[in-house]
C-alpha atoms as a PDB file:
ATOM      1  CA  MET A   1     -15.527  -8.095  -4.270  1.00  0.00           C
ATOM      2  CA  ASN A   2     -17.365  -4.769  -3.910  1.00  0.00           C
ATOM      3  CA  PRO A   3     -16.658  -2.694  -0.783  1.00  0.00           C
ATOM      4  CA  PRO A   4     -19.450  -2.917   1.810  1.00  0.00           C
ATOM      5  CA  VAL A   5     -19.299   0.867   2.287  1.00  0.00           C
ATOM      6  CA  SER A   6     -17.643   3.703   0.356  1.00  0.00           C
ATOM      7  CA  VAL A   7     -14.616   4.530   2.474  1.00  0.00           C
ATOM      8  CA  ALA A   8     -13.805   7.698   0.505  1.00  0.00           C
ATOM      9  CA  GLU A   9     -17.357   9.060   0.680  1.00  0.00           C
ATOM     10  CA  ASN A  10     -17.716   8.216   4.345  1.00  0.00           C
ATOM     11  CA  TYR A  11     -14.424   9.858   5.220  1.00  0.00           C
ATOM     12  CA  ASP A  12     -15.489  12.946   3.264  1.00  0.00           C
ATOM     13  CA  GLN A  13     -18.497  13.043   5.562  1.00  0.00           C
ATOM     14  CA  TYR A  14     -16.367  12.324   8.635  1.00  0.00           C
ATOM     15  CA  PHE A  15     -13.990  15.216   7.890  1.00  0.00           C
ATOM     16  CA  SER A  16     -16.580  17.744   6.686  1.00  0.00           C
ATOM     17  CA  SER A  17     -18.640  17.233   9.852  1.00  0.00           C
ATOM     18  CA  ARG A  18     -15.529  17.997  11.980  1.00  0.00           C
ATOM     19  CA  LEU A  19     -16.321  14.846  13.962  1.00  0.00           C
ATOM     20  CA  TYR A  20     -12.833  13.534  13.152  1.00  0.00           C
ATOM     21  CA  GLU A  21     -11.135  16.659  14.522  1.00  0.00           C
ATOM     22  CA  GLN A  22     -13.241  16.569  17.657  1.00  0.00           C
ATOM     23  CA  ARG A  23     -12.215  12.977  18.391  1.00  0.00           C
ATOM     24  CA  TYR A  24      -8.569  13.256  17.316  1.00  0.00           C
ATOM     25  CA  PRO A  25      -7.325  16.858  17.591  1.00  0.00           C
ATOM     26  CA  ARG A  26      -3.613  16.015  17.649  1.00  0.00           C
ATOM     27  CA  PRO A  27      -1.163  13.154  16.984  1.00  0.00           C
ATOM     28  CA  ASN A  28      -0.560  10.241  19.313  1.00  0.00           C
ATOM     29  CA  PRO A  29       2.584  11.498  21.121  1.00  0.00           C
ATOM     30  CA  SER A  30       4.290   8.103  21.376  1.00  0.00           C
ATOM     31  CA  SER A  31       3.740   7.345  17.671  1.00  0.00           C
ATOM     32  CA  LEU A  32       4.923  10.848  16.789  1.00  0.00           C
ATOM     33  CA  ALA A  33       8.141  10.397  18.771  1.00  0.00           C
ATOM     34  CA  ILE A  34       8.897   7.146  16.943  1.00  0.00           C
ATOM     35  CA  ILE A  35       8.280   8.774  13.554  1.00  0.00           C
ATOM     36  CA  ILE A  36      10.493  11.764  14.353  1.00  0.00           C
ATOM     37  CA  GLY A  37      13.229   9.385  15.489  1.00  0.00           C
ATOM     38  CA  GLU A  38      13.021   7.519  12.182  1.00  0.00           C
ATOM     39  CA  ILE A  39      13.206  10.777  10.187  1.00  0.00           C
ATOM     40  CA  ASP A  40      16.297  11.825  12.145  1.00  0.00           C
ATOM     41  CA  ALA A  41      17.925   8.440  11.496  1.00  0.00           C
ATOM     42  CA  LEU A  42      16.899   7.792   7.891  1.00  0.00           C
ATOM     43  CA  GLY A  43      16.427  11.059   6.018  1.00  0.00           C
ATOM     44  CA  LYS A  44      13.832  13.693   5.333  1.00  0.00           C
ATOM     45  CA  ARG A  45      11.839  12.367   2.334  1.00  0.00           C
ATOM     46  CA  VAL A  46       8.578  11.134   3.847  1.00  0.00           C
ATOM     47  CA  LEU A  47       5.471   9.535   2.341  1.00  0.00           C
ATOM     48  CA  ASP A  48       2.323   9.970   4.461  1.00  0.00           C
ATOM     49  CA  VAL A  49      -0.289   7.422   3.331  1.00  0.00           C
ATOM     50  CA  GLY A  50      -3.825   8.131   4.497  1.00  0.00           C
ATOM     51  CA  CYS A  51      -2.683  11.546   5.686  1.00  0.00           C
ATOM     52  CA  GLY A  52      -6.152  12.828   6.564  1.00  0.00           C
ATOM     53  CA  ASN A  53      -6.256  16.571   7.098  1.00  0.00           C
ATOM     54  CA  GLY A  54      -2.696  16.711   8.386  1.00  0.00           C
ATOM     55  CA  ARG A  55      -2.823  15.513  11.961  1.00  0.00           C
ATOM     56  CA  TYR A  56       0.719  14.120  11.647  1.00  0.00           C
ATOM     57  CA  ALA A  57       2.030  15.975   8.593  1.00  0.00           C
ATOM     58  CA  GLU A  58       1.625  19.447  10.090  1.00  0.00           C
ATOM     59  CA  THR A  59       3.488  18.547  13.283  1.00  0.00           C
ATOM     60  CA  LEU A  60       6.262  16.743  11.385  1.00  0.00           C
ATOM     61  CA  LEU A  61       6.757  19.778   9.154  1.00  0.00           C
ATOM     62  CA  GLU A  62       6.968  21.997  12.233  1.00  0.00           C
ATOM     63  CA  ARG A  63       9.377  19.803  14.188  1.00  0.00           C
ATOM     64  CA  THR A  64      11.642  18.362  11.478  1.00  0.00           C
ATOM     65  CA  ASP A  65      13.193  19.306   8.136  1.00  0.00           C
ATOM     66  CA  ALA A  66      11.114  16.668   6.358  1.00  0.00           C
ATOM     67  CA  THR A  67       9.643  17.104   2.914  1.00  0.00           C
ATOM     68  CA  ILE A  68       6.368  15.211   2.698  1.00  0.00           C
ATOM     69  CA  VAL A  69       4.258  13.748  -0.076  1.00  0.00           C
ATOM     70  CA  ALA A  70       0.860  13.137   1.521  1.00  0.00           C
ATOM     71  CA  CYS A  71      -1.947  11.134  -0.068  1.00  0.00           C
ATOM     72  CA  ASP A  72      -5.516  10.348   0.919  1.00  0.00           C
ATOM     73  CA  ILE A  73      -8.583   9.063  -0.932  1.00  0.00           C
ATOM     74  CA  SER A  74     -10.806  11.667   0.763  1.00  0.00           C
ATOM     75  CA  ARG A  75     -11.162  14.949  -1.122  1.00  0.00           C
ATOM     76  CA  GLU A  76     -12.292  16.675   2.082  1.00  0.00           C
ATOM     77  CA  ALA A  77      -9.133  15.503   3.846  1.00  0.00           C
ATOM     78  CA  ILE A  78      -6.776  16.649   1.096  1.00  0.00           C
ATOM     79  CA  ASP A  79      -8.510  20.020   0.800  1.00  0.00           C
ATOM     80  CA  GLY A  80      -8.255  20.427   4.572  1.00  0.00           C
ATOM     81  CA  LEU A  81      -4.564  19.533   4.557  1.00  0.00           C
ATOM     82  CA  SER A  82      -3.833  21.908   1.660  1.00  0.00           C
ATOM     83  CA  SER A  83      -5.535  24.767   3.490  1.00  0.00           C
ATOM     84  CA  ARG A  84      -4.081  23.943   6.900  1.00  0.00           C
ATOM     85  CA  CYS A  85      -0.516  23.691   5.582  1.00  0.00           C
ATOM     86  CA  SER A  86      -0.667  26.132   2.659  1.00  0.00           C
ATOM     87  CA  GLY A  87       2.620  27.753   3.660  1.00  0.00           C
ATOM     88  CA  TYR A  88       4.455  24.436   3.500  1.00  0.00           C
ATOM     89  CA  VAL A  89       2.849  23.681   0.128  1.00  0.00           C
ATOM     90  CA  ALA A  90       4.045  27.041  -1.212  1.00  0.00           C
ATOM     91  CA  ALA A  91       7.530  26.411   0.179  1.00  0.00           C
ATOM     92  CA  GLY A  92       7.733  23.055  -1.602  1.00  0.00           C
ATOM     93  CA  ARG A  93       7.951  20.977   1.574  1.00  0.00           C
ATOM     94  CA  LEU A  94       4.486  19.427   1.259  1.00  0.00           C
ATOM     95  CA  ARG A  95       2.784  17.925  -1.771  1.00  0.00           C
ATOM     96  CA  PRO A  96      -0.812  16.783  -1.113  1.00  0.00           C
ATOM     97  CA  LEU A  97      -2.191  14.215  -3.569  1.00  0.00           C
ATOM     98  CA  LEU A  98      -5.726  12.878  -3.892  1.00  0.00           C
ATOM     99  CA  GLY A  99      -5.573   9.102  -4.208  1.00  0.00           C
ATOM    100  CA  ASP A 100      -3.726   6.050  -2.957  1.00  0.00           C
ATOM    101  CA  PRO A 101       0.003   5.216  -3.220  1.00  0.00           C
ATOM    102  CA  THR A 102      -0.357   4.238  -6.896  1.00  0.00           C
ATOM    103  CA  VAL A 103      -1.098   7.916  -7.608  1.00  0.00           C
ATOM    104  CA  VAL A 104       2.093   8.809  -5.756  1.00  0.00           C
ATOM    105  CA  ALA A 105       4.071   6.314  -7.841  1.00  0.00           C
ATOM    106  CA  GLU A 106       2.725   7.850 -11.052  1.00  0.00           C
ATOM    107  CA  SER A 107       3.660  11.369  -9.923  1.00  0.00           C
ATOM    108  CA  LEU A 108       7.313  10.708  -9.082  1.00  0.00           C
ATOM    109  CA  GLY A 109      10.270  11.278 -11.325  1.00  0.00           C
ATOM    110  CA  GLU A 110      12.492   8.396 -12.376  1.00  0.00           C
ATOM    111  CA  GLY A 111      14.489   7.056  -9.444  1.00  0.00           C
ATOM    112  CA  GLU A 112      12.681   9.136  -6.824  1.00  0.00           C
ATOM    113  CA  LYS A 113      12.322   7.193  -3.594  1.00  0.00           C
ATOM    114  CA  PHE A 114      11.316   7.864  -0.005  1.00  0.00           C
ATOM    115  CA  ASP A 115      13.357   7.386   3.145  1.00  0.00           C
ATOM    116  CA  LEU A 116      10.296   6.749   5.298  1.00  0.00           C
ATOM    117  CA  ALA A 117       6.617   5.940   4.799  1.00  0.00           C
ATOM    118  CA  ILE A 118       4.062   6.427   7.546  1.00  0.00           C
ATOM    119  CA  MET A 119       0.666   4.783   7.619  1.00  0.00           C
ATOM    120  CA  VAL A 120      -0.638   5.520  11.078  1.00  0.00           C
ATOM    121  CA  PHE A 121      -3.934   5.806  12.906  1.00  0.00           C
ATOM    122  CA  GLY A 122      -5.042   2.413  11.578  1.00  0.00           C
ATOM    123  CA  VAL A 123      -5.159   3.483   7.918  1.00  0.00           C
ATOM    124  CA  LEU A 124      -4.162   0.024   6.670  1.00  0.00           C
ATOM    125  CA  GLY A 125      -7.208  -1.487   8.371  1.00  0.00           C
ATOM    126  CA  HIS A 126      -9.541   0.847   6.469  1.00  0.00           C
ATOM    127  CA  ILE A 127      -8.466  -0.615   3.106  1.00  0.00           C
ATOM    128  CA  TYR A 128     -10.798  -3.249   1.656  1.00  0.00           C
ATOM    129  CA  PRO A 129     -10.320  -6.087   0.765  1.00  0.00           C
ATOM    130  CA  ARG A 130      -7.263  -8.022   1.979  1.00  0.00           C
ATOM    131  CA  SER A 131      -5.806  -8.230  -1.532  1.00  0.00           C
ATOM    132  CA  LEU A 132      -5.822  -4.427  -1.807  1.00  0.00           C
ATOM    133  CA  ARG A 133      -4.170  -4.049   1.607  1.00  0.00           C
ATOM    134  CA  ARG A 134      -1.390  -6.331   0.450  1.00  0.00           C
ATOM    135  CA  ALA A 135      -1.088  -4.526  -2.886  1.00  0.00           C
ATOM    136  CA  THR A 136      -0.877  -1.198  -1.047  1.00  0.00           C
ATOM    137  CA  LEU A 137       1.965  -2.457   1.137  1.00  0.00           C
ATOM    138  CA  ALA A 138       3.756  -3.778  -1.951  1.00  0.00           C
ATOM    139  CA  THR A 139       3.414  -0.376  -3.657  1.00  0.00           C
ATOM    140  CA  ILE A 140       4.792   1.390  -0.587  1.00  0.00           C
ATOM    141  CA  HIS A 141       7.711  -1.063  -0.513  1.00  0.00           C
ATOM    142  CA  ALA A 142       8.502  -0.167  -4.126  1.00  0.00           C
ATOM    143  CA  LEU A 143       8.422   3.551  -3.287  1.00  0.00           C
ATOM    144  CA  LEU A 144      11.028   3.227  -0.523  1.00  0.00           C
ATOM    145  CA  ARG A 145      14.757   3.420  -1.124  1.00  0.00           C
ATOM    146  CA  PRO A 146      16.839   0.379  -0.136  1.00  0.00           C
ATOM    147  CA  GLY A 147      16.900   0.413   3.650  1.00  0.00           C
ATOM    148  CA  GLY A 148      13.912   2.750   3.808  1.00  0.00           C
ATOM    149  CA  ARG A 149      11.299   2.027   6.441  1.00  0.00           C
ATOM    150  CA  ILE A 150       7.594   2.111   7.129  1.00  0.00           C
ATOM    151  CA  VAL A 151       5.884   3.039  10.396  1.00  0.00           C
ATOM    152  CA  VAL A 152       2.433   1.467  10.334  1.00  0.00           C
ATOM    153  CA  THR A 153      -0.300   0.942  12.913  1.00  0.00           C
ATOM    154  CA  VAL A 154      -3.308  -1.379  13.006  1.00  0.00           C
ATOM    155  CA  PRO A 155      -6.120  -2.089  15.502  1.00  0.00           C
ATOM    156  CA  ASN A 156      -5.843  -5.097  17.809  1.00  0.00           C
ATOM    157  CA  ALA A 157      -8.756  -7.499  17.261  1.00  0.00           C
ATOM    158  CA  ALA A 158      -8.497  -8.717  20.850  1.00  0.00           C
ATOM    159  CA  ARG A 159      -9.181  -5.231  22.210  1.00  0.00           C
ATOM    160  CA  ARG A 160     -11.420  -3.502  19.699  1.00  0.00           C
ATOM    161  CA  PHE A 161     -15.095  -3.594  18.712  1.00  0.00           C
ATOM    162  CA  ALA A 162     -16.151  -6.880  20.338  1.00  0.00           C
ATOM    163  CA  LYS A 163     -19.847  -6.178  19.735  1.00  0.00           C
ATOM    164  CA  GLN A 164     -19.262  -5.221  16.102  1.00  0.00           C
ATOM    165  CA  GLN A 165     -17.186  -8.342  15.523  1.00  0.00           C
ATOM    166  CA  LEU A 166     -20.206 -10.407  16.551  1.00  0.00           C
ATOM    167  CA  SER A 167     -22.705  -8.375  14.534  1.00  0.00           C
ATOM    168  CA  SER A 168     -20.486  -8.457  11.414  1.00  0.00           C
ATOM    169  CA  GLN A 169     -20.004 -12.227  11.530  1.00  0.00           C
ATOM    170  CA  ARG A 170     -23.084 -12.868   9.410  1.00  0.00           C
ATOM    171  CA  LEU A 171     -21.716 -10.601   6.664  1.00  0.00           C
ATOM    172  CA  VAL A 172     -18.479 -12.587   6.798  1.00  0.00           C
ATOM    173  CA  GLU A 173     -20.382 -15.859   6.440  1.00  0.00           C
ATOM    174  CA  GLN A 174     -22.347 -14.437   3.491  1.00  0.00           C
ATOM    175  CA  GLY A 175     -19.125 -13.392   1.748  1.00  0.00           C
ATOM    176  CA  HIS A 176     -19.735  -9.638   1.982  1.00  0.00           C
ATOM    177  CA  LEU A 177     -16.844  -9.238   4.425  1.00  0.00           C
ATOM    178  CA  GLU A 178     -13.645 -11.186   5.063  1.00  0.00           C
ATOM    179  CA  ALA A 179     -12.529 -12.732   8.342  1.00  0.00           C
ATOM    180  CA  GLY A 180     -11.488  -9.969  10.716  1.00  0.00           C
ATOM    181  CA  ASP A 181     -13.626  -7.319   8.990  1.00  0.00           C
ATOM    182  CA  ILE A 182     -16.276  -5.251  10.740  1.00  0.00           C
ATOM    183  CA  LEU A 183     -18.688  -2.412  10.062  1.00  0.00           C
ATOM    184  CA  TYR A 184     -19.147   0.223  12.765  1.00  0.00           C
ATOM    185  CA  GLU A 185     -20.412   3.788  13.179  1.00  0.00           C
ATOM    186  CA  ARG A 186     -18.981   7.087  14.317  1.00  0.00           C
ATOM    187  CA  THR A 187     -21.801   9.262  15.639  1.00  0.00           C
ATOM    188  CA  SER A 188     -22.542  12.748  16.882  1.00  0.00           C
ATOM    189  CA  HIS A 189     -25.858  14.250  17.957  1.00  0.00           C
ATOM    190  CA  ASP A 190     -27.068  14.614  14.351  1.00  0.00           C
ATOM    191  CA  LEU A 191     -24.796  12.348  12.308  1.00  0.00           C
ATOM    192  CA  ALA A 192     -23.944   8.661  11.911  1.00  0.00           C
ATOM    193  CA  VAL A 193     -21.076   7.708   9.614  1.00  0.00           C
ATOM    194  CA  LYS A 194     -20.829   4.010   8.742  1.00  0.00           C
ATOM    195  CA  MET A 195     -17.230   2.805   8.572  1.00  0.00           C
ATOM    196  CA  TYR A 196     -15.318  -0.293   7.484  1.00  0.00           C
ATOM    197  CA  TYR A 197     -12.381  -1.681   9.477  1.00  0.00           C
ATOM    198  CA  HIS A 198     -10.190  -4.761   9.400  1.00  0.00           C
ATOM    199  CA  LEU A 199      -9.012  -5.811  12.864  1.00  0.00           C
ATOM    200  CA  TYR A 200      -5.668  -7.575  13.143  1.00  0.00           C
ATOM    201  CA  THR A 201      -4.177 -10.328  15.220  1.00  0.00           C
ATOM    202  CA  LEU A 202      -0.509  -9.848  16.056  1.00  0.00           C
ATOM    203  CA  GLN A 203       0.492 -12.831  13.920  1.00  0.00           C
ATOM    204  CA  GLU A 204      -1.511 -11.607  10.922  1.00  0.00           C
ATOM    205  CA  PHE A 205       0.086  -8.158  11.139  1.00  0.00           C
ATOM    206  CA  GLU A 206       3.611  -9.569  11.207  1.00  0.00           C
ATOM    207  CA  GLN A 207       2.890 -11.968   8.338  1.00  0.00           C
ATOM    208  CA  GLU A 208       1.281  -9.313   6.148  1.00  0.00           C
ATOM    209  CA  LEU A 209       4.336  -7.091   6.408  1.00  0.00           C
ATOM    210  CA  GLU A 210       6.820  -9.900   5.871  1.00  0.00           C
ATOM    211  CA  GLN A 211       4.908 -11.285   2.874  1.00  0.00           C
ATOM    212  CA  GLN A 212       5.155  -7.901   1.146  1.00  0.00           C
ATOM    213  CA  GLY A 213       8.914  -7.706   1.577  1.00  0.00           C
ATOM    214  CA  PHE A 214       9.320  -5.885   4.881  1.00  0.00           C
ATOM    215  CA  ARG A 215      11.671  -6.936   7.667  1.00  0.00           C
ATOM    216  CA  LEU A 216      10.340  -6.144  11.118  1.00  0.00           C
ATOM    217  CA  ILE A 217      12.580  -3.873  13.168  1.00  0.00           C
ATOM    218  CA  ARG A 218      10.261  -3.005  16.026  1.00  0.00           C
ATOM    219  CA  LEU A 219       6.800  -4.022  17.184  1.00  0.00           C
ATOM    220  CA  THR A 220       5.173  -2.168  20.051  1.00  0.00           C
ATOM    221  CA  ALA A 221       1.867  -0.852  21.362  1.00  0.00           C
ATOM    222  CA  GLU A 222       0.391   2.124  19.543  1.00  0.00           C
ATOM    223  CA  SER A 223      -1.398   2.733  22.837  1.00  0.00           C
ATOM    224  CA  ILE A 224      -2.989   0.764  25.651  1.00  0.00           C
ATOM    225  CA  LEU A 225      -5.864   3.158  26.277  1.00  0.00           C
ATOM    226  CA  PRO A 226      -8.189   4.355  23.482  1.00  0.00           C
ATOM    227  CA  GLU A 227      -6.352   6.856  21.301  1.00  0.00           C
ATOM    228  CA  SER A 228      -9.216   9.348  21.357  1.00  0.00           C
ATOM    229  CA  GLY A 229      -8.548   9.743  25.080  1.00  0.00           C
ATOM    230  CA  ILE A 230      -4.779   9.989  25.141  1.00  0.00           C
ATOM    231  CA  VAL A 231      -4.626  12.670  22.425  1.00  0.00           C
ATOM    232  CA  ARG A 232      -6.903  14.912  24.505  1.00  0.00           C
ATOM    233  CA  SER A 233      -5.750  14.290  28.077  1.00  0.00           C
ATOM    234  CA  GLN A 234      -2.275  14.729  29.541  1.00  0.00           C
ATOM    235  CA  LEU A 235      -3.231  12.543  32.501  1.00  0.00           C
ATOM    236  CA  LEU A 236      -4.389   9.699  30.251  1.00  0.00           C
ATOM    237  CA  ARG A 237      -1.176  10.014  28.225  1.00  0.00           C
ATOM    238  CA  ALA A 238       0.871   9.548  31.387  1.00  0.00           C
ATOM    239  CA  ILE A 239      -1.209   6.547  32.459  1.00  0.00           C
ATOM    240  CA  ASP A 240      -0.937   5.064  28.969  1.00  0.00           C
ATOM    241  CA  TRP A 241       2.855   5.485  28.961  1.00  0.00           C
ATOM    242  CA  PHE A 242       3.090   3.631  32.278  1.00  0.00           C
ATOM    243  CA  LEU A 243       0.752   0.823  31.179  1.00  0.00           C
ATOM    244  CA  ALA A 244       2.689   0.322  27.950  1.00  0.00           C
ATOM    245  CA  LYS A 245       5.828  -0.262  30.015  1.00  0.00           C
ATOM    246  CA  ILE A 246       4.343  -3.028  32.166  1.00  0.00           C
ATOM    247  CA  LEU A 247       1.702  -4.796  30.063  1.00  0.00           C
ATOM    248  CA  PRO A 248       2.382  -7.420  27.384  1.00  0.00           C
ATOM    249  CA  LEU A 249       1.920  -6.475  23.743  1.00  0.00           C
ATOM    250  CA  ARG A 250      -1.285  -8.503  23.433  1.00  0.00           C
ATOM    251  CA  CYS A 251      -2.973  -5.878  25.654  1.00  0.00           C
ATOM    252  CA  ALA A 252      -2.353  -3.085  23.141  1.00  0.00           C
ATOM    253  CA  TYR A 253      -5.290  -1.098  21.796  1.00  0.00           C
ATOM    254  CA  GLY A 254      -3.387  -1.025  18.516  1.00  0.00           C
ATOM    255  CA  PHE A 255      -0.060  -2.352  17.249  1.00  0.00           C
ATOM    256  CA  LEU A 256       2.739  -0.191  15.818  1.00  0.00           C
ATOM    257  CA  ALA A 257       5.428  -1.688  13.600  1.00  0.00           C
ATOM    258  CA  VAL A 258       8.620  -0.237  12.223  1.00  0.00           C
ATOM    259  CA  ALA A 259       9.734  -2.332   9.269  1.00  0.00           C
ATOM    260  CA  GLU A 260      12.498  -2.055   6.705  1.00  0.00           C
ATOM    261  CA  ALA A 261      12.091  -2.498   2.973  1.00  0.00           C
ATOM    262  CA  ALA A 262      14.138  -5.648   2.534  1.00  0.00           C
ATOM    263  CA  SER A 263      15.971  -6.296  -0.717  1.00  0.00           C
ATOM    264  CA  ALA A 264      15.096  -9.348  -2.801  1.00  0.00           C
ATOM    265  CA  SER A 265      18.137 -11.191  -1.446  1.00  0.00           C
ATOM    266  CA  ASP A 266      17.221 -10.337   2.148  1.00  0.00           C
ATOM    267  CA  GLN A 267      13.726 -11.721   1.654  1.00  0.00           C
ATOM    268  CA  HIS A 268      15.151 -15.161   0.933  1.00  0.00           C
ATOM    269  CA  THR A 269      17.624 -15.119   3.808  1.00  0.00           C
ATOM    270  CA  ASP A 270      16.894 -16.637   7.182  1.00  0.00           C
ATOM    271  CA  LEU A 271      17.081 -13.573   9.402  1.00  0.00           C
ATOM    272  CA  PRO A 272      17.021 -13.624  13.193  1.00  0.00           C
ATOM    273  CA  HIS A 273      13.668 -12.611  14.634  1.00  0.00           C
ATOM    274  CA  PRO A 274      13.896  -8.942  15.686  1.00  0.00           C
ATOM    275  CA  PHE A 275      12.267  -9.560  19.069  1.00  0.00           C
ATOM    276  CA  ALA A 276      13.969 -11.252  21.975  1.00  0.00           C
ATOM    277  CA  PRO A 277      12.596 -14.752  22.670  1.00  0.00           C
ATOM    278  CA  ASN A 278      11.501 -13.733  26.156  1.00  0.00           C
ATOM    279  CA  GLN A 279       9.660 -10.571  25.095  1.00  0.00           C
ATOM    280  CA  PRO A 280       6.065 -10.791  26.366  1.00  0.00           C
ATOM    281  CA  VAL A 281       3.430 -10.805  23.651  1.00  0.00           C
END
């Protein structure tokens, strides 16, 4: 199945226009806190998949002792990251790679593994089609040490792009898209960038991780309010923090999962569900 749009080319355009930086100038603070907590608990070898121009990598390098291998399919993004974090590249703490996690796998020495992988800001949902999303998760699983974890976020279909879900339905029926897929645009006064996205239900997200060998540790809201707002406004961040405390998970703008790379034996063991039976979803 051919991709309905070129994700790499469109993200090159997105980054070169600076539209991305204008919308998302800094990391989501709640996601960042979770990632830093995982680095402190697990170890400092981090894989950043879909790293963009370093929105998370730069801050993690500043605030932790992590060493990061960062990959992205956008040349513009990797060039931006390399320039933005040139000192960390020179110091050997950051290795930017153009490509997907298979390129990372090919670049590692024998036995090299990561303590933590991050795939945030909905990167998984920008991978087309479903089979490639699953293959990507499987590759990441193989790159993690036993007990290593992934922090991954996806958009909530119940909260995102209602109009585009309707307008993309015909493409789904014609076989150009899969169920849950949409096309949408990011625009400025003189630019329109067409994008692909897969929107997730909570059940689909859990199943996709578990089917690729991950054991869910934590499932929470990435945010309740749109992320473009909370990364630019301290007031909106405070409101979002409060809403996340009181609203059920189904109200999330996006879902965030922390999941452990289960061993083969663990994957065939009946494990208790990581969420309390009375947790609101």
